[in-house]
N, C-alpha and C. Protein backbone atom coordinates (compact mmCIF):
# COMPACT_ATOMS: atom_id res chain seq x y z
N UNK A 1 11.64 -157.04 51.32
CA UNK A 1 10.77 -155.78 51.85
C UNK A 1 9.56 -156.07 51.55
N UNK A 2 8.46 -156.16 52.90
CA UNK A 2 6.95 -156.35 52.62
C UNK A 2 6.42 -155.44 51.79
N UNK A 3 5.72 -156.14 51.12
CA UNK A 3 4.88 -154.94 50.92
C UNK A 3 3.16 -154.85 50.61
N UNK A 4 2.67 -154.21 51.60
CA UNK A 4 1.14 -154.40 52.30
C UNK A 4 -0.02 -153.72 50.96
N UNK A 5 -0.67 -153.38 50.18
CA UNK A 5 -2.06 -152.86 50.23
C UNK A 5 -2.19 -151.69 50.57
N UNK A 6 -2.44 -150.57 50.86
CA UNK A 6 -3.06 -149.56 50.79
C UNK A 6 -4.16 -148.92 50.42
N UNK A 7 -4.63 -148.11 51.73
CA UNK A 7 -5.66 -147.07 50.93
C UNK A 7 -5.22 -145.57 50.93
N UNK A 8 -4.87 -144.75 50.18
CA UNK A 8 -4.73 -143.79 50.67
C UNK A 8 -4.97 -142.71 50.72
N UNK A 9 -4.80 -141.74 51.44
CA UNK A 9 -6.49 -141.05 52.10
C UNK A 9 -7.00 -140.49 51.72
N UNK A 10 -7.02 -140.11 50.13
CA UNK A 10 -7.60 -139.41 49.03
C UNK A 10 -8.50 -140.38 48.42
N UNK A 11 -8.18 -141.74 48.88
CA UNK A 11 -9.12 -142.82 48.57
C UNK A 11 -9.95 -143.69 49.30
N UNK A 12 -9.88 -143.07 50.57
CA UNK A 12 -10.65 -143.39 51.62
C UNK A 12 -11.98 -143.20 51.58
N UNK A 13 -12.52 -144.14 52.51
CA UNK A 13 -14.45 -143.65 52.46
C UNK A 13 -14.77 -144.45 54.22
N UNK A 14 -16.19 -144.23 54.15
CA UNK A 14 -16.40 -144.95 55.75
C UNK A 14 -16.36 -144.86 56.70
N UNK A 15 -15.77 -145.77 57.36
CA UNK A 15 -15.12 -145.71 58.63
C UNK A 15 -13.54 -145.46 58.38
N UNK A 16 -12.85 -145.97 57.37
CA UNK A 16 -11.75 -146.15 57.59
C UNK A 16 -11.42 -144.15 57.28
N UNK A 17 -12.49 -143.45 56.59
CA UNK A 17 -12.32 -141.87 56.41
C UNK A 17 -12.01 -141.33 57.66
N UNK A 18 -13.14 -142.50 58.38
CA UNK A 18 -13.47 -141.24 60.05
C UNK A 18 -12.20 -141.37 60.93
N UNK A 19 -11.36 -142.10 60.37
CA UNK A 19 -10.08 -142.88 61.19
C UNK A 19 -9.42 -141.98 60.59
N UNK A 20 -9.11 -142.16 59.67
CA UNK A 20 -8.05 -141.21 58.86
C UNK A 20 -7.98 -139.26 58.99
N UNK A 21 -9.11 -138.73 59.43
CA UNK A 21 -9.17 -137.85 59.94
C UNK A 21 -8.71 -137.24 61.08
N UNK A 22 -9.32 -138.66 61.83
CA UNK A 22 -9.03 -138.64 63.33
C UNK A 22 -7.28 -138.91 63.41
N UNK A 23 -6.31 -139.28 62.86
CA UNK A 23 -5.04 -139.91 62.83
C UNK A 23 -4.02 -138.59 61.80
N UNK A 24 -4.37 -137.90 61.08
CA UNK A 24 -4.21 -136.97 60.42
C UNK A 24 -3.49 -136.32 61.18
N UNK A 25 -2.13 -136.09 60.31
CA UNK A 25 -1.04 -135.55 61.64
C UNK A 25 -0.47 -134.17 60.46
N UNK A 26 -1.17 -133.00 61.62
CA UNK A 26 -0.80 -131.87 60.44
C UNK A 26 0.70 -131.62 60.09
N UNK A 27 1.52 -132.03 60.95
CA UNK A 27 3.40 -131.53 60.88
C UNK A 27 3.72 -131.85 59.31
N UNK A 28 2.88 -133.30 58.70
CA UNK A 28 3.76 -133.36 58.17
C UNK A 28 2.16 -133.78 56.47
N UNK A 29 1.45 -133.49 57.33
CA UNK A 29 0.44 -133.65 55.96
C UNK A 29 -0.05 -135.33 55.37
N UNK A 30 -0.42 -136.23 56.69
CA UNK A 30 -0.63 -137.74 55.98
C UNK A 30 -0.90 -138.15 57.94
N UNK A 31 -1.40 -139.21 57.08
CA UNK A 31 -1.54 -140.72 57.74
C UNK A 31 -0.05 -141.46 57.73
N UNK A 32 0.29 -141.88 59.58
CA UNK A 32 1.71 -142.33 59.46
C UNK A 32 1.62 -143.47 58.50
N UNK A 33 2.44 -144.07 57.91
CA UNK A 33 2.35 -145.24 57.33
C UNK A 33 2.15 -146.58 58.30
N UNK A 34 2.61 -146.67 59.37
CA UNK A 34 2.10 -147.94 59.81
C UNK A 34 0.95 -147.95 60.79
N UNK A 35 0.15 -146.67 60.20
CA UNK A 35 -1.13 -147.39 60.63
C UNK A 35 -2.36 -147.27 59.01
N UNK A 36 -1.35 -146.68 58.29
CA UNK A 36 -2.58 -147.20 56.52
C UNK A 36 -2.18 -148.41 56.14
N UNK A 37 -0.96 -149.04 56.77
CA UNK A 37 -0.67 -150.96 57.04
C UNK A 37 -1.90 -151.54 56.97
N UNK A 38 -2.98 -150.74 57.87
CA UNK A 38 -4.46 -151.43 58.44
C UNK A 38 -5.84 -150.72 57.78
N UNK A 39 -5.21 -150.20 56.74
CA UNK A 39 -6.48 -149.48 55.90
C UNK A 39 -7.83 -150.44 55.20
N UNK A 40 -7.33 -151.73 54.93
CA UNK A 40 -8.01 -152.93 54.89
C UNK A 40 -8.99 -153.13 55.66
N UNK A 41 -8.46 -152.21 56.96
CA UNK A 41 -9.64 -153.26 58.07
C UNK A 41 -9.57 -152.27 59.09
N UNK A 42 -10.46 -151.12 58.99
CA UNK A 42 -10.43 -150.45 60.18
C UNK A 42 -10.46 -150.93 61.51
N UNK A 43 -11.09 -152.13 61.64
CA UNK A 43 -11.51 -151.89 63.00
C UNK A 43 -9.86 -152.45 63.49
N UNK A 44 -8.59 -153.09 62.94
CA UNK A 44 -7.58 -153.46 62.73
C UNK A 44 -6.72 -151.69 63.00
N UNK A 45 -7.13 -151.23 62.28
CA UNK A 45 -6.31 -150.30 62.37
C UNK A 45 -6.96 -149.11 63.76
N UNK A 46 -8.02 -149.14 64.01
CA UNK A 46 -8.04 -148.26 65.72
C UNK A 46 -7.90 -149.22 66.67
N UNK A 47 -8.06 -150.66 66.62
CA UNK A 47 -6.96 -151.39 67.66
C UNK A 47 -5.36 -151.31 67.63
N UNK A 48 -5.02 -150.86 66.70
CA UNK A 48 -3.50 -151.12 66.80
C UNK A 48 -3.43 -149.34 67.32
N UNK A 49 -4.22 -148.74 66.93
CA UNK A 49 -4.02 -146.98 67.40
C UNK A 49 -3.87 -147.14 68.52
N UNK A 50 -4.97 -147.87 69.55
CA UNK A 50 -5.16 -147.75 70.65
C UNK A 50 -4.44 -148.59 71.28
N UNK A 51 -3.80 -149.49 70.93
CA UNK A 51 -2.61 -149.69 71.80
C UNK A 51 -1.58 -149.59 71.37
N UNK A 52 -0.95 -148.80 70.77
CA UNK A 52 -0.04 -147.79 70.38
C UNK A 52 -0.09 -146.52 71.53
N UNK A 53 -1.38 -146.21 71.81
CA UNK A 53 -1.23 -144.79 72.51
C UNK A 53 -1.31 -145.39 74.14
N UNK A 54 -1.71 -146.34 74.24
CA UNK A 54 -1.53 -147.07 75.94
C UNK A 54 -0.13 -147.16 76.26
N UNK A 55 0.83 -148.00 74.95
CA UNK A 55 1.80 -148.52 75.70
C UNK A 55 2.80 -147.35 75.51
N UNK A 56 2.67 -146.08 74.46
CA UNK A 56 3.41 -144.70 74.70
C UNK A 56 3.08 -143.53 75.81
N UNK A 57 1.64 -143.65 76.18
CA UNK A 57 0.86 -142.39 76.66
C UNK A 57 0.85 -143.07 78.30
N UNK A 58 -0.23 -144.42 78.30
CA UNK A 58 -0.13 -145.20 79.64
C UNK A 58 0.68 -145.20 80.39
N UNK A 59 0.06 -144.87 81.56
CA UNK A 59 0.74 -145.46 83.20
C UNK A 59 2.16 -146.20 83.00
N UNK A 60 3.38 -145.43 83.55
CA UNK A 60 4.59 -146.53 83.05
C UNK A 60 5.47 -145.97 83.58
N UNK A 61 6.30 -146.76 84.69
CA UNK A 61 8.05 -146.45 85.47
C UNK A 61 8.82 -145.33 84.20
N UNK A 62 8.10 -145.53 82.80
CA UNK A 62 9.33 -145.49 81.58
C UNK A 62 8.86 -144.60 81.29
N UNK A 63 9.72 -142.92 81.06
CA UNK A 63 9.53 -141.45 80.63
C UNK A 63 8.81 -141.77 78.86
N UNK A 64 7.90 -140.77 78.79
CA UNK A 64 7.64 -140.81 77.30
C UNK A 64 8.81 -141.25 76.55
N UNK A 65 10.24 -140.05 76.69
CA UNK A 65 11.21 -140.21 76.07
C UNK A 65 11.95 -141.44 76.13
N UNK A 66 11.43 -142.15 76.91
CA UNK A 66 12.73 -143.41 77.26
C UNK A 66 11.93 -144.25 76.08
N UNK A 67 10.37 -144.33 76.24
CA UNK A 67 10.11 -145.29 75.12
C UNK A 67 9.94 -144.95 74.07
N UNK A 68 10.34 -144.30 73.20
CA UNK A 68 10.52 -143.23 72.16
C UNK A 68 11.83 -143.61 72.09
N UNK A 69 12.80 -143.44 72.90
CA UNK A 69 14.14 -144.03 72.77
C UNK A 69 14.15 -145.44 72.29
N UNK A 70 13.63 -146.39 72.89
CA UNK A 70 12.80 -147.64 73.19
C UNK A 70 12.61 -148.04 71.25
N UNK A 71 11.69 -147.41 70.91
CA UNK A 71 11.09 -147.78 69.60
C UNK A 71 12.11 -147.64 68.22
N UNK A 72 13.08 -146.14 68.96
CA UNK A 72 13.81 -145.81 67.51
C UNK A 72 15.06 -147.00 67.54
N UNK A 73 15.62 -147.62 68.47
CA UNK A 73 16.22 -148.46 68.69
C UNK A 73 16.57 -149.61 68.19
N UNK A 74 14.76 -150.17 68.46
CA UNK A 74 13.92 -151.40 67.95
C UNK A 74 14.11 -151.26 66.06
N UNK A 75 13.70 -150.28 65.91
CA UNK A 75 13.64 -149.61 64.51
C UNK A 75 14.88 -149.67 63.75
N UNK A 76 15.94 -149.14 64.35
CA UNK A 76 17.31 -149.24 64.05
C UNK A 76 17.66 -150.59 63.99
N UNK A 77 17.76 -151.38 64.57
CA UNK A 77 17.82 -152.62 64.60
C UNK A 77 17.16 -153.82 63.85
N UNK A 78 16.08 -153.33 63.38
CA UNK A 78 15.39 -154.29 62.45
C UNK A 78 15.37 -153.42 61.17
N UNK A 79 16.12 -152.49 60.91
CA UNK A 79 16.49 -151.95 59.62
C UNK A 79 15.08 -151.23 59.45
N UNK A 80 14.09 -150.66 59.92
CA UNK A 80 13.31 -150.17 59.57
C UNK A 80 12.94 -148.66 60.19
N UNK A 81 12.60 -148.31 58.57
CA UNK A 81 12.15 -146.02 58.59
C UNK A 81 11.83 -146.24 59.74
N UNK A 82 11.76 -145.28 61.19
CA UNK A 82 11.11 -144.55 61.77
C UNK A 82 10.47 -143.82 61.55
């Protein structure tokens, strides 16, 4: 298993804190780990989120549910917690 250093929400400052504030998920009280792996590079975090948002919510012949199902299937195949 890979181990990636992250900056927790309560230690974030500057641009990272601004992004964490935007991406904070009220439903569970945190920033998703898939975003926090970019915490040492705020530009990478923003770019990752923009790509994800485009893939999941941009124009596509696939519905949002179909895209989420593909993401779950790939995560399961990779033995990754989704």
